[in-house]
Amino acid sequence: MAGNYPYTGTILENNDGSNKTSTSLSVHMLIKVNNTISVGAIQSLDCDERGTISMITEVGTDGVIDSVRNKSVEISGSCERIRFSRTRIAEAFGRSFIHVQSQAYPFDIWIYDRQAASQSDWVITVIKNVWIESIKWNLKVNDWVMADSMTWKAETIKSYRGTPGTPAATGGETGITLATVSLSDNTTGGLSAEQAADVGLNGRRGSLDVPGLIDAVATY
C-alpha cells in the first residue's frame, strides 16, 4: 500500500468502454505523511469515522419524530507495518521518536487512491492532525517477521478529486445518481453543504452549520 508499484492494468470492458469490471487494488494506494514522506511496508491501514445520533421521540404518538447528530464525528484508526532496517512505525511516519509518550505535535496522513489512469481523477484523502494513541510490536515466530502496529485519533478528514476543492464523490465509474442538499452559503464556494464539508473547503469540518438546514430535503 505504498511506494511506486506498477499498475496491473487489469480492467475488463467492451471495446466501447461499456460493461466495465474493475477492482480497487491496494497496489494503487500511496500513503504519505504531510504529503512529503512515502510510507512503505504497510500491511493494513484502517480508518473509522464514527458519529452518534439522537432519536427524538414524542409521547402520545409513541414514535420517532426527528433525528439529529448529537456530537462531533470522531476519526480514529490503526496501522500495521512490517519492520525493515530497524525502522519503527513512528519513524516510518516521519516522527523523531519511537514511543507514544514522546509525541509533541500531530501530523497528517495523505492517502492517494490511484485507481484512475488520469491523475486528475485520483482521490486524495487527508487525515488531519493525527495523534498516536498506542504502539504495539510483536514477533511472529512462524516466519520470524517483526511487525509494528499503532492506533491513532485525528481531528478531521477530507477527500477531493485531483485538485483541492473538487468533490471526490461522483458515483464512480457506474454513474450512480447522488443525493445532494443544495443549501450553500458564502463559505461553500458554490458547492452544496455536504460537498463543501467532504472536501474540507475553507477549513470546513462539518455540514450542519449552514442556514436553513432544518428545511432541507435531499434530492436526486
C-alpha atoms as a PDB file:
ATOM      1  CA  MET A   1       0.000   0.000   0.000  1.00  0.00           C
ATOM      2  CA  ALA A   2       2.834   2.381  -0.633  1.00  0.00           C
ATOM      3  CA  GLY A   3       5.803   3.102  -2.825  1.00  0.00           C
ATOM      4  CA  ASN A   4       5.701   3.317  -6.605  1.00  0.00           C
ATOM      5  CA  TYR A   5       4.359  -0.087  -7.547  1.00  0.00           C
ATOM      6  CA  PRO A   6       3.464  -0.660 -11.199  1.00  0.00           C
ATOM      7  CA  TYR A   7      -0.168  -0.628 -12.208  1.00  0.00           C
ATOM      8  CA  THR A   8      -1.594  -4.015 -13.149  1.00  0.00           C
ATOM      9  CA  GLY A   9      -3.767  -2.654 -15.974  1.00  0.00           C
ATOM     10  CA  THR A  10      -6.355  -5.332 -15.209  1.00  0.00           C
ATOM     11  CA  ILE A  11      -9.653  -3.832 -16.369  1.00  0.00           C
ATOM     12  CA  LEU A  12     -12.277  -5.879 -18.195  1.00  0.00           C
ATOM     13  CA  GLU A  13     -14.581  -3.993 -20.554  1.00  0.00           C
ATOM     14  CA  ASN A  14     -16.112  -3.985 -24.002  1.00  0.00           C
ATOM     15  CA  ASN A  15     -14.348  -2.175 -26.831  1.00  0.00           C
ATOM     16  CA  ASP A  16     -16.737   0.765 -26.465  1.00  0.00           C
ATOM     17  CA  GLY A  17     -15.975   1.094 -22.741  1.00  0.00           C
ATOM     18  CA  SER A  18     -19.292  -0.361 -21.572  1.00  0.00           C
ATOM     19  CA  ASN A  19     -19.837  -3.267 -19.188  1.00  0.00           C
ATOM     20  CA  LYS A  20     -16.672  -2.422 -17.296  1.00  0.00           C
ATOM     21  CA  THR A  21     -15.492  -4.642 -14.433  1.00  0.00           C
ATOM     22  CA  SER A  22     -12.696  -3.360 -12.234  1.00  0.00           C
ATOM     23  CA  THR A  23     -11.484  -3.828  -8.672  1.00  0.00           C
ATOM     24  CA  SER A  24      -9.757  -1.409  -6.307  1.00  0.00           C
ATOM     25  CA  LEU A  25      -6.308  -2.817  -5.588  1.00  0.00           C
ATOM     26  CA  SER A  26      -4.026  -1.957  -2.693  1.00  0.00           C
ATOM     27  CA  VAL A  27      -1.059  -1.535  -5.049  1.00  0.00           C
ATOM     28  CA  HIS A  28      -2.773   1.617  -6.323  1.00  0.00           C
ATOM     29  CA  MET A  29      -2.752   3.218  -2.863  1.00  0.00           C
ATOM     30  CA  LEU A  30       0.098   5.553  -1.969  1.00  0.00           C
ATOM     31  CA  ILE A  31       0.413   6.648   1.672  1.00  0.00           C
ATOM     32  CA  LYS A  32       2.375   9.738   2.638  1.00  0.00           C
ATOM     33  CA  VAL A  33       2.982  11.808   5.768  1.00  0.00           C
ATOM     34  CA  ASN A  34       2.378  15.557   5.484  1.00  0.00           C
ATOM     35  CA  ASN A  35       2.311  14.998   1.705  1.00  0.00           C
ATOM     36  CA  THR A  36       6.086  14.526   1.616  1.00  0.00           C
ATOM     37  CA  ILE A  37       7.303  11.219   3.090  1.00  0.00           C
ATOM     38  CA  SER A  38       6.135   7.958   1.488  1.00  0.00           C
ATOM     39  CA  VAL A  39       5.449   5.159   3.985  1.00  0.00           C
ATOM     40  CA  GLY A  40       6.313   1.646   2.823  1.00  0.00           C
ATOM     41  CA  ALA A  41       5.746  -1.914   4.055  1.00  0.00           C
ATOM     42  CA  ILE A  42       2.247  -1.158   5.358  1.00  0.00           C
ATOM     43  CA  GLN A  43       0.224  -4.343   5.797  1.00  0.00           C
ATOM     44  CA  SER A  44      -3.019  -2.668   6.828  1.00  0.00           C
ATOM     45  CA  LEU A  45      -4.407   0.809   7.418  1.00  0.00           C
ATOM     46  CA  ASP A  46      -7.868   1.198   8.930  1.00  0.00           C
ATOM     47  CA  CYS A  47      -9.913   4.359   9.395  1.00  0.00           C
ATOM     48  CA  ASP A  48     -13.077   4.550  11.498  1.00  0.00           C
ATOM     49  CA  GLU A  49     -15.382   7.572  11.192  1.00  0.00           C
ATOM     50  CA  ARG A  50     -17.975   7.409  13.942  1.00  0.00           C
ATOM     51  CA  GLY A  51     -20.859   9.699  14.858  1.00  0.00           C
ATOM     52  CA  THR A  52     -23.747   9.238  17.276  1.00  0.00           C
ATOM     53  CA  ILE A  53     -27.367  10.073  16.559  1.00  0.00           C
ATOM     54  CA  SER A  54     -30.166  11.089  18.939  1.00  0.00           C
ATOM     55  CA  MET A  55     -33.616   9.863  18.022  1.00  0.00           C
ATOM     56  CA  ILE A  56     -36.231  12.365  19.182  1.00  0.00           C
ATOM     57  CA  THR A  57     -39.416  10.662  20.320  1.00  0.00           C
ATOM     58  CA  GLU A  58     -42.831  12.029  21.182  1.00  0.00           C
ATOM     59  CA  VAL A  59     -45.102  10.789  23.928  1.00  0.00           C
ATOM     60  CA  GLY A  60     -48.554  10.221  22.506  1.00  0.00           C
ATOM     61  CA  THR A  61     -47.550   9.165  19.045  1.00  0.00           C
ATOM     62  CA  ASP A  62     -45.131   6.643  20.549  1.00  0.00           C
ATOM     63  CA  GLY A  63     -42.803   7.178  17.642  1.00  0.00           C
ATOM     64  CA  VAL A  64     -39.655   8.906  16.483  1.00  0.00           C
ATOM     65  CA  ILE A  65     -40.494  12.325  15.092  1.00  0.00           C
ATOM     66  CA  ASP A  66     -36.997  13.576  14.296  1.00  0.00           C
ATOM     67  CA  SER A  67     -33.323  12.702  14.490  1.00  0.00           C
ATOM     68  CA  VAL A  68     -30.147  14.701  14.897  1.00  0.00           C
ATOM     69  CA  ARG A  69     -26.420  14.164  15.324  1.00  0.00           C
ATOM     70  CA  ASN A  70     -25.655  14.880  18.990  1.00  0.00           C
ATOM     71  CA  LYS A  71     -21.839  15.181  18.954  1.00  0.00           C
ATOM     72  CA  SER A  72     -18.971  15.724  16.588  1.00  0.00           C
ATOM     73  CA  VAL A  73     -17.816  12.835  14.413  1.00  0.00           C
ATOM     74  CA  GLU A  74     -14.760  11.051  15.820  1.00  0.00           C
ATOM     75  CA  ILE A  75     -11.949   9.930  13.485  1.00  0.00           C
ATOM     76  CA  SER A  76      -9.740   7.043  14.582  1.00  0.00           C
ATOM     77  CA  GLY A  77      -7.837   4.187  13.037  1.00  0.00           C
ATOM     78  CA  SER A  78      -4.934   1.785  13.116  1.00  0.00           C
ATOM     79  CA  CYS A  79      -1.946   0.774  11.035  1.00  0.00           C
ATOM     80  CA  GLU A  80       0.242  -2.330  10.885  1.00  0.00           C
ATOM     81  CA  ARG A  81       3.656  -2.293   9.236  1.00  0.00           C
ATOM     82  CA  ILE A  82       6.431  -4.824   8.688  1.00  0.00           C
ATOM     83  CA  ARG A  83       9.678  -3.599  10.262  1.00  0.00           C
ATOM     84  CA  PHE A  84      12.656  -3.159   7.934  1.00  0.00           C
ATOM     85  CA  SER A  85      16.165  -1.827   8.670  1.00  0.00           C
ATOM     86  CA  ARG A  86      15.311  -1.211  12.345  1.00  0.00           C
ATOM     87  CA  THR A  87      12.804   1.483  11.351  1.00  0.00           C
ATOM     88  CA  ARG A  88       9.969   1.524  13.883  1.00  0.00           C
ATOM     89  CA  ILE A  89       6.442   2.512  12.911  1.00  0.00           C
ATOM     90  CA  ALA A  90       6.626   6.055  14.311  1.00  0.00           C
ATOM     91  CA  GLU A  91       9.901   6.624  12.464  1.00  0.00           C
ATOM     92  CA  ALA A  92       8.302   5.389   9.233  1.00  0.00           C
ATOM     93  CA  PHE A  93       5.698   8.137   9.632  1.00  0.00           C
ATOM     94  CA  GLY A  94       8.459  10.725   9.858  1.00  0.00           C
ATOM     95  CA  ARG A  95       8.482  11.062  13.638  1.00  0.00           C
ATOM     96  CA  SER A  96      11.709  11.614  15.574  1.00  0.00           C
ATOM     97  CA  PHE A  97      10.704   9.181  18.321  1.00  0.00           C
ATOM     98  CA  ILE A  98       9.641   5.550  18.789  1.00  0.00           C
ATOM     99  CA  HIS A  99       7.480   5.806  21.944  1.00  0.00           C
ATOM    100  CA  VAL A 100       3.962   7.246  22.295  1.00  0.00           C
ATOM    101  CA  GLN A 101       4.902   9.399  25.279  1.00  0.00           C
ATOM    102  CA  SER A 102       7.345  11.375  23.135  1.00  0.00           C
ATOM    103  CA  GLN A 103       4.879  12.843  20.624  1.00  0.00           C
ATOM    104  CA  ALA A 104       4.669  16.630  20.975  1.00  0.00           C
ATOM    105  CA  TYR A 105       2.695  17.645  17.897  1.00  0.00           C
ATOM    106  CA  PRO A 106       0.314  15.945  15.408  1.00  0.00           C
ATOM    107  CA  PHE A 107       0.874  15.039  11.759  1.00  0.00           C
ATOM    108  CA  ASP A 108      -1.244  14.454   8.655  1.00  0.00           C
ATOM    109  CA  ILE A 109      -1.718  11.195   6.748  1.00  0.00           C
ATOM    110  CA  TRP A 110      -2.258  11.557   2.989  1.00  0.00           C
ATOM    111  CA  ILE A 111      -3.746   8.648   1.022  1.00  0.00           C
ATOM    112  CA  TYR A 112      -3.595   8.715  -2.774  1.00  0.00           C
ATOM    113  CA  ASP A 113      -6.176   6.458  -4.441  1.00  0.00           C
ATOM    114  CA  ARG A 114      -4.654   5.975  -7.896  1.00  0.00           C
ATOM    115  CA  GLN A 115      -7.249   3.597  -9.322  1.00  0.00           C
ATOM    116  CA  ALA A 116      -7.934   6.044 -12.178  1.00  0.00           C
ATOM    117  CA  ALA A 117      -5.402   6.293 -15.005  1.00  0.00           C
ATOM    118  CA  SER A 118      -5.608  10.085 -15.107  1.00  0.00           C
ATOM    119  CA  GLN A 119      -4.013  11.882 -12.167  1.00  0.00           C
ATOM    120  CA  SER A 120      -6.800  14.480 -12.319  1.00  0.00           C
ATOM    121  CA  ASP A 121      -9.212  11.711 -11.236  1.00  0.00           C
ATOM    122  CA  TRP A 122      -7.157  10.414  -8.313  1.00  0.00           C
ATOM    123  CA  VAL A 123      -8.997  10.641  -4.988  1.00  0.00           C
ATOM    124  CA  ILE A 124      -6.786  12.203  -2.333  1.00  0.00           C
ATOM    125  CA  THR A 125      -7.754  11.764   1.323  1.00  0.00           C
ATOM    126  CA  VAL A 126      -6.165  13.844   4.079  1.00  0.00           C
ATOM    127  CA  ILE A 127      -6.470  12.680   7.682  1.00  0.00           C
ATOM    128  CA  LYS A 128      -5.733  15.866   9.601  1.00  0.00           C
ATOM    129  CA  ASN A 129      -3.799  16.272  12.866  1.00  0.00           C
ATOM    130  CA  VAL A 130      -3.160  12.668  13.830  1.00  0.00           C
ATOM    131  CA  TRP A 131      -2.154  11.742  17.384  1.00  0.00           C
ATOM    132  CA  ILE A 132      -0.741   8.287  18.080  1.00  0.00           C
ATOM    133  CA  GLU A 133      -2.800   6.600  20.776  1.00  0.00           C
ATOM    134  CA  SER A 134      -0.896   3.332  21.140  1.00  0.00           C
ATOM    135  CA  ILE A 135       2.043   1.435  19.628  1.00  0.00           C
ATOM    136  CA  LYS A 136       2.456  -2.336  19.779  1.00  0.00           C
ATOM    137  CA  TRP A 137       5.061  -4.648  18.283  1.00  0.00           C
ATOM    138  CA  ASN A 138       5.231  -8.395  18.035  1.00  0.00           C
ATOM    139  CA  LEU A 139       7.490 -11.192  16.822  1.00  0.00           C
ATOM    140  CA  LYS A 140       5.743 -13.723  14.594  1.00  0.00           C
ATOM    141  CA  VAL A 141       7.658 -16.853  15.387  1.00  0.00           C
ATOM    142  CA  ASN A 142       6.360 -18.888  12.463  1.00  0.00           C
ATOM    143  CA  ASP A 143       8.124 -16.683   9.877  1.00  0.00           C
ATOM    144  CA  TRP A 144      10.491 -14.605  12.048  1.00  0.00           C
ATOM    145  CA  VAL A 145       8.968 -11.324  10.942  1.00  0.00           C
ATOM    146  CA  MET A 146       8.732  -8.259  13.165  1.00  0.00           C
ATOM    147  CA  ALA A 147       5.578  -6.190  12.823  1.00  0.00           C
ATOM    148  CA  ASP A 148       4.695  -2.879  14.465  1.00  0.00           C
ATOM    149  CA  SER A 149       1.167  -1.562  14.845  1.00  0.00           C
ATOM    150  CA  MET A 150      -0.310   1.681  16.114  1.00  0.00           C
ATOM    151  CA  THR A 151      -3.722   3.141  16.804  1.00  0.00           C
ATOM    152  CA  TRP A 152      -4.444   6.819  16.325  1.00  0.00           C
ATOM    153  CA  LYS A 153      -7.040   9.562  16.541  1.00  0.00           C
ATOM    154  CA  ALA A 154      -7.388  12.609  14.311  1.00  0.00           C
ATOM    155  CA  GLU A 155      -9.232  15.922  14.282  1.00  0.00           C
ATOM    156  CA  THR A 156     -10.886  15.670  10.872  1.00  0.00           C
ATOM    157  CA  ILE A 157     -10.792  14.054   7.431  1.00  0.00           C
ATOM    158  CA  LYS A 158     -11.388  15.317   3.898  1.00  0.00           C
ATOM    159  CA  SER A 159     -11.192  13.961   0.353  1.00  0.00           C
ATOM    160  CA  TYR A 160     -11.033  15.604  -3.035  1.00  0.00           C
ATOM    161  CA  ARG A 161     -10.530  14.533  -6.637  1.00  0.00           C
ATOM    162  CA  GLY A 162      -7.423  15.731  -8.427  1.00  0.00           C
ATOM    163  CA  THR A 163      -7.246  19.261  -7.065  1.00  0.00           C
ATOM    164  CA  PRO A 164      -8.330  20.708  -3.691  1.00  0.00           C
ATOM    165  CA  GLY A 165     -11.978  21.755  -3.658  1.00  0.00           C
ATOM    166  CA  THR A 166     -13.103  19.277  -6.328  1.00  0.00           C
ATOM    167  CA  PRO A 167     -15.716  16.836  -4.946  1.00  0.00           C
ATOM    168  CA  ALA A 168     -14.481  13.251  -4.809  1.00  0.00           C
ATOM    169  CA  ALA A 169     -17.939  11.670  -4.750  1.00  0.00           C
ATOM    170  CA  THR A 170     -19.032  11.288  -8.386  1.00  0.00           C
ATOM    171  CA  GLY A 171     -20.868   7.977  -8.367  1.00  0.00           C
ATOM    172  CA  GLY A 172     -17.716   6.261  -9.540  1.00  0.00           C
ATOM    173  CA  GLU A 173     -17.482   4.603 -12.932  1.00  0.00           C
ATOM    174  CA  THR A 174     -21.008   3.224 -12.619  1.00  0.00           C
ATOM    175  CA  GLY A 175     -22.669   6.627 -12.821  1.00  0.00           C
ATOM    176  CA  ILE A 176     -24.695   6.335  -9.609  1.00  0.00           C
ATOM    177  CA  THR A 177     -27.048   9.295  -9.147  1.00  0.00           C
ATOM    178  CA  LEU A 178     -26.017  11.032  -5.929  1.00  0.00           C
ATOM    179  CA  ALA A 179     -28.313  12.684  -3.418  1.00  0.00           C
ATOM    180  CA  THR A 180     -27.488  16.350  -2.888  1.00  0.00           C
ATOM    181  CA  VAL A 181     -28.525  19.005  -0.418  1.00  0.00           C
ATOM    182  CA  SER A 182     -28.473  22.214  -2.434  1.00  0.00           C
ATOM    183  CA  LEU A 183     -28.082  24.505   0.568  1.00  0.00           C
ATOM    184  CA  SER A 184     -24.983  26.669   0.471  1.00  0.00           C
ATOM    185  CA  ASP A 185     -23.678  29.908   1.940  1.00  0.00           C
ATOM    186  CA  ASN A 186     -20.745  32.224   1.319  1.00  0.00           C
ATOM    187  CA  THR A 187     -18.285  29.660   2.737  1.00  0.00           C
ATOM    188  CA  THR A 188     -19.153  26.743   0.421  1.00  0.00           C
ATOM    189  CA  GLY A 189     -17.781  28.174  -2.825  1.00  0.00           C
ATOM    190  CA  GLY A 190     -20.939  27.289  -4.723  1.00  0.00           C
ATOM    191  CA  LEU A 191     -20.830  23.645  -3.649  1.00  0.00           C
ATOM    192  CA  SER A 192     -23.615  22.030  -1.669  1.00  0.00           C
ATOM    193  CA  ALA A 193     -23.170  21.936   2.112  1.00  0.00           C
ATOM    194  CA  GLU A 194     -22.296  18.235   2.044  1.00  0.00           C
ATOM    195  CA  GLN A 195     -19.790  18.604  -0.793  1.00  0.00           C
ATOM    196  CA  ALA A 196     -18.069  21.537   0.917  1.00  0.00           C
ATOM    197  CA  ALA A 197     -17.693  19.514   4.116  1.00  0.00           C
ATOM    198  CA  ASP A 198     -16.424  16.472   2.216  1.00  0.00           C
ATOM    199  CA  VAL A 199     -13.595  18.384   0.512  1.00  0.00           C
ATOM    200  CA  GLY A 200     -12.874  20.467   3.633  1.00  0.00           C
ATOM    201  CA  LEU A 201     -13.388  23.717   1.716  1.00  0.00           C
ATOM    202  CA  ASN A 202     -12.247  26.799   3.642  1.00  0.00           C
ATOM    203  CA  GLY A 203     -11.393  24.586   6.601  1.00  0.00           C
ATOM    204  CA  ARG A 204     -14.960  23.291   6.870  1.00  0.00           C
ATOM    205  CA  ARG A 205     -15.263  20.287   9.192  1.00  0.00           C
ATOM    206  CA  GLY A 206     -18.982  19.561   9.020  1.00  0.00           C
ATOM    207  CA  SER A 207     -22.167  20.399   7.140  1.00  0.00           C
ATOM    208  CA  LEU A 208     -24.592  21.185   9.960  1.00  0.00           C
ATOM    209  CA  ASP A 209     -23.862  24.915  10.210  1.00  0.00           C
ATOM    210  CA  VAL A 210     -25.469  26.221   7.024  1.00  0.00           C
ATOM    211  CA  PRO A 211     -28.650  28.335   7.348  1.00  0.00           C
ATOM    212  CA  GLY A 212     -31.966  26.692   6.508  1.00  0.00           C
ATOM    213  CA  LEU A 213     -30.743  23.173   7.147  1.00  0.00           C
ATOM    214  CA  ILE A 214     -33.852  22.189   9.081  1.00  0.00           C
ATOM    215  CA  ASP A 215     -35.975  22.692   5.977  1.00  0.00           C
ATOM    216  CA  ALA A 216     -33.522  20.965   3.622  1.00  0.00           C
ATOM    217  CA  VAL A 217     -34.579  17.900   1.648  1.00  0.00           C
ATOM    218  CA  ALA A 218     -32.119  15.722  -0.256  1.00  0.00           C
ATOM    219  CA  THR A 219     -32.878  15.443  -3.954  1.00  0.00           C
ATOM    220  CA  TYR A 220     -31.725  13.061  -6.689  1.00  0.00           C
END
